[in-house]
N, C-alpha and C. Protein backbone atom coordinates (compact mmCIF):
# COMPACT_ATOMS: atom_id res chain seq x y z
N MET A 1 13.26 46.02 -17.71
CA MET A 1 12.25 44.99 -17.55
C MET A 1 11.68 44.66 -18.93
N THR A 2 11.67 43.39 -19.26
CA THR A 2 11.15 42.98 -20.56
C THR A 2 9.63 42.95 -20.52
N THR A 3 9.04 42.83 -21.69
CA THR A 3 7.58 42.81 -21.75
C THR A 3 7.01 41.53 -21.15
N THR A 4 7.74 40.43 -21.22
CA THR A 4 7.23 39.20 -20.61
C THR A 4 7.23 39.31 -19.09
N ASN A 5 8.28 39.90 -18.52
CA ASN A 5 8.30 40.10 -17.07
C ASN A 5 7.20 41.06 -16.64
N PHE A 6 7.01 42.12 -17.40
CA PHE A 6 5.95 43.08 -17.07
C PHE A 6 4.58 42.42 -17.14
N THR A 7 4.36 41.58 -18.13
CA THR A 7 3.08 40.90 -18.26
C THR A 7 2.85 39.93 -17.11
N PHE A 8 3.90 39.22 -16.73
CA PHE A 8 3.79 38.30 -15.60
C PHE A 8 3.46 39.05 -14.32
N TYR A 9 4.19 40.13 -14.02
CA TYR A 9 3.94 40.90 -12.81
C TYR A 9 2.56 41.56 -12.84
N ALA A 10 2.16 42.05 -14.01
CA ALA A 10 0.86 42.71 -14.11
C ALA A 10 -0.29 41.73 -13.89
N THR A 11 -0.20 40.52 -14.43
CA THR A 11 -1.28 39.55 -14.22
C THR A 11 -1.34 39.10 -12.77
N PHE A 12 -0.20 38.93 -12.14
CA PHE A 12 -0.21 38.53 -10.73
C PHE A 12 -0.79 39.64 -9.85
N MET A 13 -0.38 40.88 -10.09
CA MET A 13 -0.90 42.00 -9.30
C MET A 13 -2.38 42.25 -9.57
N LEU A 14 -2.81 42.03 -10.79
CA LEU A 14 -4.24 42.17 -11.10
C LEU A 14 -5.06 41.13 -10.36
N ALA A 15 -4.55 39.92 -10.25
CA ALA A 15 -5.26 38.88 -9.51
C ALA A 15 -5.30 39.20 -8.02
N ILE A 16 -4.20 39.72 -7.47
CA ILE A 16 -4.20 40.11 -6.05
C ILE A 16 -5.16 41.26 -5.81
N THR A 17 -5.18 42.23 -6.73
CA THR A 17 -6.11 43.35 -6.60
C THR A 17 -7.55 42.87 -6.67
N GLY A 18 -7.85 41.96 -7.56
CA GLY A 18 -9.19 41.40 -7.65
C GLY A 18 -9.57 40.64 -6.40
N LEU A 19 -8.62 39.92 -5.82
CA LEU A 19 -8.90 39.18 -4.58
C LEU A 19 -9.12 40.14 -3.42
N THR A 20 -8.43 41.26 -3.43
CA THR A 20 -8.56 42.22 -2.34
C THR A 20 -9.89 42.98 -2.40
N PHE A 21 -10.28 43.43 -3.58
CA PHE A 21 -11.43 44.31 -3.68
C PHE A 21 -12.75 43.62 -4.04
N HIS A 22 -12.71 42.45 -4.66
CA HIS A 22 -13.93 41.79 -5.11
C HIS A 22 -14.09 40.43 -4.46
N ARG A 23 -14.17 40.40 -3.16
CA ARG A 23 -14.30 39.13 -2.47
C ARG A 23 -15.66 38.98 -1.80
N ALA A 24 -16.68 39.49 -2.44
CA ALA A 24 -18.03 39.34 -1.89
C ALA A 24 -18.52 37.91 -2.07
N HIS A 25 -18.17 37.29 -3.18
CA HIS A 25 -18.61 35.92 -3.46
C HIS A 25 -17.41 34.98 -3.42
N LEU A 26 -17.65 33.75 -3.02
CA LEU A 26 -16.59 32.75 -2.95
C LEU A 26 -16.07 32.41 -4.34
N LEU A 27 -16.95 32.40 -5.34
CA LEU A 27 -16.52 32.07 -6.69
C LEU A 27 -15.55 33.11 -7.24
N SER A 28 -15.77 34.38 -6.98
CA SER A 28 -14.83 35.40 -7.47
C SER A 28 -13.48 35.29 -6.77
N ALA A 29 -13.48 34.93 -5.48
CA ALA A 29 -12.21 34.73 -4.78
C ALA A 29 -11.46 33.53 -5.36
N LEU A 30 -12.18 32.47 -5.68
CA LEU A 30 -11.53 31.28 -6.26
C LEU A 30 -10.97 31.57 -7.64
N ILE A 31 -11.68 32.38 -8.43
CA ILE A 31 -11.18 32.73 -9.76
C ILE A 31 -9.92 33.58 -9.66
N CYS A 32 -9.88 34.50 -8.69
CA CYS A 32 -8.66 35.30 -8.49
C CYS A 32 -7.50 34.43 -8.04
N LEU A 33 -7.75 33.48 -7.16
CA LEU A 33 -6.68 32.56 -6.74
C LEU A 33 -6.18 31.72 -7.91
N GLU A 34 -7.09 31.30 -8.76
CA GLU A 34 -6.69 30.52 -9.93
C GLU A 34 -5.87 31.37 -10.89
N GLY A 35 -6.22 32.63 -11.04
CA GLY A 35 -5.43 33.53 -11.87
C GLY A 35 -4.03 33.72 -11.33
N MET A 36 -3.90 33.80 -10.01
CA MET A 36 -2.58 33.91 -9.40
C MET A 36 -1.76 32.66 -9.66
N MET A 37 -2.37 31.50 -9.54
CA MET A 37 -1.65 30.25 -9.77
C MET A 37 -1.22 30.12 -11.24
N LEU A 38 -2.09 30.52 -12.16
CA LEU A 38 -1.73 30.42 -13.57
C LEU A 38 -0.63 31.41 -13.95
N SER A 39 -0.64 32.61 -13.35
CA SER A 39 0.44 33.54 -13.64
C SER A 39 1.76 33.04 -13.06
N MET A 40 1.70 32.38 -11.89
CA MET A 40 2.92 31.78 -11.34
C MET A 40 3.42 30.64 -12.23
N TYR A 41 2.49 29.87 -12.79
CA TYR A 41 2.89 28.79 -13.70
C TYR A 41 3.58 29.35 -14.94
N ILE A 42 3.01 30.39 -15.51
CA ILE A 42 3.61 30.99 -16.71
C ILE A 42 4.99 31.57 -16.39
N GLY A 43 5.10 32.25 -15.26
CA GLY A 43 6.39 32.81 -14.88
C GLY A 43 7.44 31.74 -14.62
N PHE A 44 7.02 30.66 -13.97
CA PHE A 44 7.95 29.58 -13.69
C PHE A 44 8.38 28.87 -14.97
N ALA A 45 7.44 28.68 -15.90
CA ALA A 45 7.79 28.05 -17.17
C ALA A 45 8.72 28.94 -17.99
N LEU A 46 8.47 30.25 -17.98
CA LEU A 46 9.36 31.16 -18.71
C LEU A 46 10.75 31.20 -18.08
N TRP A 47 10.80 31.12 -16.76
CA TRP A 47 12.10 31.11 -16.09
C TRP A 47 12.88 29.85 -16.47
N CYS A 48 12.19 28.71 -16.53
CA CYS A 48 12.86 27.46 -16.92
C CYS A 48 13.35 27.52 -18.36
N LEU A 49 12.58 28.19 -19.23
CA LEU A 49 13.01 28.31 -20.61
C LEU A 49 14.19 29.26 -20.76
N GLN A 50 14.19 30.35 -20.00
CA GLN A 50 15.28 31.33 -20.12
C GLN A 50 16.59 30.80 -19.55
N THR A 51 16.53 30.06 -18.47
CA THR A 51 17.76 29.54 -17.86
C THR A 51 18.19 28.21 -18.45
N GLU A 52 17.32 27.59 -19.21
CA GLU A 52 17.57 26.28 -19.82
C GLU A 52 17.97 25.24 -18.78
N ALA A 53 17.27 25.28 -17.66
CA ALA A 53 17.55 24.35 -16.57
C ALA A 53 16.75 23.07 -16.79
N LEU A 54 17.44 22.01 -17.11
CA LEU A 54 16.77 20.73 -17.33
C LEU A 54 16.30 20.11 -16.02
N LEU A 55 16.95 20.47 -14.93
CA LEU A 55 16.58 19.92 -13.64
C LEU A 55 15.19 20.39 -13.20
N PHE A 56 14.85 21.63 -13.52
CA PHE A 56 13.58 22.20 -13.10
C PHE A 56 12.52 22.18 -14.19
N SER A 57 12.73 21.48 -15.28
CA SER A 57 11.78 21.52 -16.39
C SER A 57 10.46 20.82 -16.06
N LEU A 58 10.45 19.92 -15.09
CA LEU A 58 9.23 19.23 -14.70
C LEU A 58 8.44 20.01 -13.66
N SER A 59 9.07 20.97 -13.02
CA SER A 59 8.43 21.72 -11.93
C SER A 59 7.18 22.50 -12.35
N PRO A 60 7.14 23.15 -13.53
CA PRO A 60 5.89 23.83 -13.90
C PRO A 60 4.70 22.87 -14.05
N MET A 61 4.95 21.67 -14.49
CA MET A 61 3.85 20.70 -14.61
C MET A 61 3.35 20.27 -13.24
N ILE A 62 4.26 20.15 -12.28
CA ILE A 62 3.84 19.81 -10.92
C ILE A 62 3.02 20.95 -10.33
N LEU A 63 3.44 22.21 -10.58
CA LEU A 63 2.68 23.36 -10.11
C LEU A 63 1.30 23.40 -10.75
N LEU A 64 1.21 23.09 -12.03
CA LEU A 64 -0.08 23.06 -12.71
C LEU A 64 -0.97 21.95 -12.16
N THR A 65 -0.40 20.83 -11.79
CA THR A 65 -1.17 19.74 -11.19
C THR A 65 -1.72 20.15 -9.83
N PHE A 66 -0.89 20.80 -9.02
CA PHE A 66 -1.38 21.28 -7.73
C PHE A 66 -2.45 22.35 -7.90
N SER A 67 -2.33 23.16 -8.93
CA SER A 67 -3.33 24.18 -9.21
C SER A 67 -4.67 23.56 -9.58
N ALA A 68 -4.63 22.48 -10.35
CA ALA A 68 -5.87 21.79 -10.71
C ALA A 68 -6.51 21.14 -9.49
N CYS A 69 -5.69 20.58 -8.62
CA CYS A 69 -6.23 20.00 -7.38
C CYS A 69 -6.83 21.07 -6.49
N GLU A 70 -6.20 22.23 -6.42
CA GLU A 70 -6.72 23.34 -5.64
C GLU A 70 -8.04 23.84 -6.20
N ALA A 71 -8.15 23.89 -7.51
CA ALA A 71 -9.40 24.32 -8.14
C ALA A 71 -10.52 23.32 -7.88
N ALA A 72 -10.21 22.04 -7.92
CA ALA A 72 -11.23 21.02 -7.65
C ALA A 72 -11.69 21.09 -6.20
N ALA A 73 -10.76 21.28 -5.28
CA ALA A 73 -11.14 21.40 -3.86
C ALA A 73 -11.96 22.66 -3.62
N GLY A 74 -11.59 23.76 -4.26
CA GLY A 74 -12.33 25.00 -4.13
C GLY A 74 -13.74 24.90 -4.66
N LEU A 75 -13.91 24.24 -5.80
CA LEU A 75 -15.25 24.07 -6.35
C LEU A 75 -16.09 23.13 -5.50
N ALA A 76 -15.47 22.13 -4.88
CA ALA A 76 -16.21 21.25 -3.97
C ALA A 76 -16.67 22.02 -2.74
N ILE A 77 -15.83 22.91 -2.23
CA ILE A 77 -16.23 23.75 -1.11
C ILE A 77 -17.34 24.70 -1.52
N LEU A 78 -17.26 25.22 -2.74
CA LEU A 78 -18.30 26.12 -3.25
C LEU A 78 -19.65 25.41 -3.34
N VAL A 79 -19.66 24.20 -3.85
CA VAL A 79 -20.91 23.44 -3.95
C VAL A 79 -21.46 23.11 -2.57
N GLY A 80 -20.56 22.72 -1.66
CA GLY A 80 -20.99 22.39 -0.30
C GLY A 80 -21.59 23.59 0.42
N THR A 81 -20.95 24.75 0.32
CA THR A 81 -21.47 25.93 1.01
C THR A 81 -22.75 26.44 0.36
N THR A 82 -22.87 26.29 -0.94
CA THR A 82 -24.11 26.72 -1.60
C THR A 82 -25.26 25.84 -1.19
N ARG A 83 -25.01 24.56 -1.03
CA ARG A 83 -26.09 23.66 -0.60
C ARG A 83 -26.48 23.89 0.86
N THR A 84 -25.53 24.15 1.72
CA THR A 84 -25.86 24.31 3.15
C THR A 84 -26.34 25.71 3.49
N HIS A 85 -25.73 26.74 2.89
CA HIS A 85 -26.06 28.12 3.26
C HIS A 85 -27.02 28.79 2.29
N GLY A 86 -27.18 28.25 1.10
CA GLY A 86 -28.10 28.83 0.12
C GLY A 86 -27.48 29.86 -0.80
N SER A 87 -26.28 30.34 -0.50
CA SER A 87 -25.60 31.29 -1.37
C SER A 87 -24.09 31.14 -1.18
N ASP A 88 -23.35 31.83 -2.04
CA ASP A 88 -21.88 31.77 -1.92
C ASP A 88 -21.30 33.07 -1.41
N LEU A 89 -22.08 33.85 -0.68
CA LEU A 89 -21.58 35.09 -0.13
C LEU A 89 -20.56 34.80 0.97
N MET A 90 -19.46 35.55 0.95
CA MET A 90 -18.40 35.32 1.92
C MET A 90 -18.80 35.76 3.32
N GLN A 91 -19.72 36.72 3.43
CA GLN A 91 -20.11 37.19 4.75
C GLN A 91 -20.96 36.17 5.48
N ASN A 92 -21.56 35.22 4.77
CA ASN A 92 -22.35 34.17 5.42
C ASN A 92 -21.51 33.02 5.93
N LEU A 93 -20.27 32.94 5.51
CA LEU A 93 -19.40 31.83 5.87
C LEU A 93 -18.62 32.16 7.13
N THR A 94 -18.95 31.53 8.21
CA THR A 94 -18.17 31.67 9.46
C THR A 94 -17.86 30.29 9.99
N LEU A 95 -16.83 30.18 10.78
CA LEU A 95 -16.45 28.90 11.35
C LEU A 95 -17.39 28.48 12.48
N LEU A 96 -18.13 29.42 13.04
CA LEU A 96 -19.03 29.08 14.14
C LEU A 96 -20.25 28.28 13.68
N GLN A 97 -20.60 28.39 12.38
CA GLN A 97 -21.76 27.67 11.88
C GLN A 97 -21.43 26.25 11.45
N CYS A 98 -20.19 25.92 11.28
CA CYS A 98 -19.80 24.60 10.77
C CYS A 98 -19.99 23.51 11.79
């Protein structure tokens, strides 16, 4: 395993671990999800560079665009829940209150 592969796997697993253990606040969960998306982007871009696949060279940019849209939607949900519930605690968010 090369150091780039190890770094990619380590960042992805660190983001999953953070999402698993530190999900008291919605903002920390969103940051962990964003870290997972960015590590996937880096891995996908490195894969395209290593294989020299011209067909898939645009795919990392599409993934980064979807990641930015996901971050914008997540922050909009964060602002909405903070305004309605008064905090961003995950234990206060239930579907029965919506």
